[in-house]
Amino acid sequence: MDAQMIKERVVKVQSQREYLLSLLEQPNLGTLRIDVNQALEEMDELVDEFRRTFPETEI
């Protein structure tokens, strides 16, 4: 797997972040809120790690 392929996958994952944020606005989310928050945290960590690994690459 090359850097470009990794970048494309990270961009795809990052694009789903907005959807997760919209889920948090739902009043009937219940205990799934915990899972959504966890997913957001892990996505942010993934993007941060990508930026540290490939600092010259813009996403």
N, C-alpha and C. Protein backbone atom coordinates (compact mmCIF):
# COMPACT_ATOMS: atom_id res chain seq x y z
N MET A 1 0.85 -1.17 0.00
CA MET A 1 0.00 0.00 0.00
C MET A 1 0.90 1.24 0.00
N ASP A 2 0.66 2.13 -0.94
CA ASP A 2 1.49 3.33 -1.03
C ASP A 2 0.82 4.50 -0.31
N ALA A 3 1.56 5.60 -0.20
CA ALA A 3 1.09 6.78 0.53
C ALA A 3 -0.18 7.36 -0.08
N GLN A 4 -0.29 7.34 -1.39
CA GLN A 4 -1.48 7.89 -2.05
C GLN A 4 -2.73 7.08 -1.70
N MET A 5 -2.60 5.78 -1.66
CA MET A 5 -3.73 4.93 -1.32
C MET A 5 -4.16 5.15 0.13
N ILE A 6 -3.18 5.27 1.01
CA ILE A 6 -3.48 5.54 2.42
C ILE A 6 -4.19 6.88 2.54
N LYS A 7 -3.69 7.88 1.81
CA LYS A 7 -4.30 9.21 1.86
C LYS A 7 -5.77 9.13 1.40
N GLU A 8 -6.03 8.42 0.34
CA GLU A 8 -7.40 8.30 -0.17
C GLU A 8 -8.31 7.65 0.87
N ARG A 9 -7.81 6.66 1.56
CA ARG A 9 -8.62 5.99 2.58
C ARG A 9 -8.86 6.89 3.78
N VAL A 10 -7.84 7.65 4.17
CA VAL A 10 -7.99 8.57 5.29
C VAL A 10 -8.99 9.67 4.93
N VAL A 11 -8.93 10.17 3.72
CA VAL A 11 -9.88 11.19 3.27
C VAL A 11 -11.30 10.62 3.29
N LYS A 12 -11.46 9.38 2.87
CA LYS A 12 -12.78 8.74 2.89
C LYS A 12 -13.30 8.62 4.32
N VAL A 13 -12.45 8.19 5.22
CA VAL A 13 -12.84 8.07 6.63
C VAL A 13 -13.19 9.45 7.19
N GLN A 14 -12.37 10.42 6.87
CA GLN A 14 -12.59 11.77 7.39
C GLN A 14 -13.90 12.35 6.87
N SER A 15 -14.30 11.99 5.68
CA SER A 15 -15.55 12.50 5.13
C SER A 15 -16.76 11.99 5.92
N GLN A 16 -16.61 10.87 6.59
CA GLN A 16 -17.70 10.32 7.39
C GLN A 16 -17.85 11.01 8.75
N ARG A 17 -16.88 11.84 9.09
CA ARG A 17 -16.90 12.53 10.39
C ARG A 17 -18.12 13.43 10.52
N GLU A 18 -18.46 14.13 9.46
CA GLU A 18 -19.62 15.02 9.49
C GLU A 18 -20.90 14.25 9.79
N TYR A 19 -21.02 13.06 9.25
CA TYR A 19 -22.19 12.24 9.50
C TYR A 19 -22.27 11.87 10.98
N LEU A 20 -21.14 11.49 11.55
CA LEU A 20 -21.13 11.14 12.97
C LEU A 20 -21.49 12.34 13.83
N LEU A 21 -21.00 13.51 13.45
CA LEU A 21 -21.36 14.72 14.20
C LEU A 21 -22.86 14.98 14.13
N SER A 22 -23.45 14.74 12.97
CA SER A 22 -24.90 14.94 12.85
C SER A 22 -25.67 13.93 13.71
N LEU A 23 -25.12 12.74 13.87
CA LEU A 23 -25.77 11.76 14.75
C LEU A 23 -25.81 12.24 16.19
N LEU A 24 -24.76 12.93 16.62
CA LEU A 24 -24.72 13.41 18.00
C LEU A 24 -25.83 14.42 18.28
N GLU A 25 -26.34 15.05 17.25
CA GLU A 25 -27.41 16.03 17.42
C GLU A 25 -28.77 15.38 17.61
N GLN A 26 -28.85 14.08 17.37
CA GLN A 26 -30.13 13.37 17.50
C GLN A 26 -30.46 13.16 18.98
N PRO A 27 -31.63 13.59 19.41
CA PRO A 27 -31.98 13.47 20.83
C PRO A 27 -32.26 12.03 21.27
N ASN A 28 -32.60 11.15 20.35
CA ASN A 28 -32.95 9.78 20.70
C ASN A 28 -31.81 8.79 20.51
N LEU A 29 -30.59 9.25 20.55
CA LEU A 29 -29.43 8.38 20.29
C LEU A 29 -29.20 7.39 21.43
N GLY A 30 -29.52 7.78 22.62
CA GLY A 30 -29.38 6.89 23.78
C GLY A 30 -27.94 6.48 24.03
N THR A 31 -27.75 5.20 24.30
CA THR A 31 -26.40 4.71 24.63
C THR A 31 -25.49 4.64 23.42
N LEU A 32 -26.06 4.76 22.22
CA LEU A 32 -25.20 4.78 21.03
C LEU A 32 -24.32 6.03 20.99
N ARG A 33 -24.67 7.04 21.76
CA ARG A 33 -23.87 8.26 21.84
C ARG A 33 -22.43 7.93 22.25
N ILE A 34 -22.28 6.98 23.14
CA ILE A 34 -20.95 6.56 23.59
C ILE A 34 -20.15 6.01 22.41
N ASP A 35 -20.77 5.17 21.60
CA ASP A 35 -20.09 4.59 20.44
C ASP A 35 -19.75 5.64 19.40
N VAL A 36 -20.64 6.59 19.19
CA VAL A 36 -20.39 7.66 18.22
C VAL A 36 -19.23 8.52 18.70
N ASN A 37 -19.21 8.86 19.97
CA ASN A 37 -18.09 9.63 20.52
C ASN A 37 -16.78 8.88 20.37
N GLN A 38 -16.80 7.59 20.63
CA GLN A 38 -15.59 6.76 20.50
C GLN A 38 -15.12 6.74 19.04
N ALA A 39 -16.05 6.60 18.13
CA ALA A 39 -15.68 6.59 16.71
C ALA A 39 -15.05 7.92 16.30
N LEU A 40 -15.61 9.02 16.78
CA LEU A 40 -15.05 10.33 16.47
C LEU A 40 -13.64 10.48 17.02
N GLU A 41 -13.43 10.02 18.24
CA GLU A 41 -12.10 10.09 18.84
C GLU A 41 -11.09 9.27 18.04
N GLU A 42 -11.49 8.07 17.64
CA GLU A 42 -10.59 7.21 16.89
C GLU A 42 -10.30 7.78 15.50
N MET A 43 -11.29 8.39 14.89
CA MET A 43 -11.08 9.01 13.58
C MET A 43 -10.10 10.17 13.70
N ASP A 44 -10.26 10.98 14.74
CA ASP A 44 -9.35 12.10 14.95
C ASP A 44 -7.93 11.62 15.19
N GLU A 45 -7.79 10.53 15.95
CA GLU A 45 -6.46 9.96 16.19
C GLU A 45 -5.85 9.44 14.89
N LEU A 46 -6.66 8.81 14.06
CA LEU A 46 -6.18 8.30 12.78
C LEU A 46 -5.65 9.43 11.90
N VAL A 47 -6.41 10.51 11.81
CA VAL A 47 -6.00 11.65 10.99
C VAL A 47 -4.74 12.28 11.56
N ASP A 48 -4.67 12.42 12.89
CA ASP A 48 -3.46 12.98 13.51
C ASP A 48 -2.24 12.11 13.23
N GLU A 49 -2.41 10.81 13.33
CA GLU A 49 -1.30 9.89 13.07
C GLU A 49 -0.87 9.96 11.60
N PHE A 50 -1.84 10.07 10.70
CA PHE A 50 -1.51 10.20 9.29
C PHE A 50 -0.69 11.47 9.06
N ARG A 51 -1.11 12.56 9.67
CA ARG A 51 -0.39 13.84 9.49
C ARG A 51 1.01 13.78 10.07
N ARG A 52 1.19 13.06 11.16
CA ARG A 52 2.53 12.91 11.74
C ARG A 52 3.39 12.02 10.85
N THR A 53 2.81 11.00 10.26
CA THR A 53 3.56 10.07 9.44
C THR A 53 3.90 10.66 8.08
N PHE A 54 2.96 11.43 7.50
CA PHE A 54 3.14 12.04 6.19
C PHE A 54 2.93 13.55 6.31
N PRO A 55 3.85 14.26 6.98
CA PRO A 55 3.63 15.68 7.19
C PRO A 55 3.60 16.52 5.92
N GLU A 56 4.17 16.02 4.86
CA GLU A 56 4.19 16.77 3.60
C GLU A 56 2.91 16.61 2.80
N THR A 57 2.01 15.73 3.26
CA THR A 57 0.78 15.44 2.51
C THR A 57 -0.39 16.22 3.07
N GLU A 58 -1.10 16.91 2.21
CA GLU A 58 -2.31 17.63 2.60
C GLU A 58 -3.52 16.72 2.46
N ILE A 59 -4.41 16.80 3.44
CA ILE A 59 -5.70 16.08 3.31
C ILE A 59 -6.83 17.02 3.60
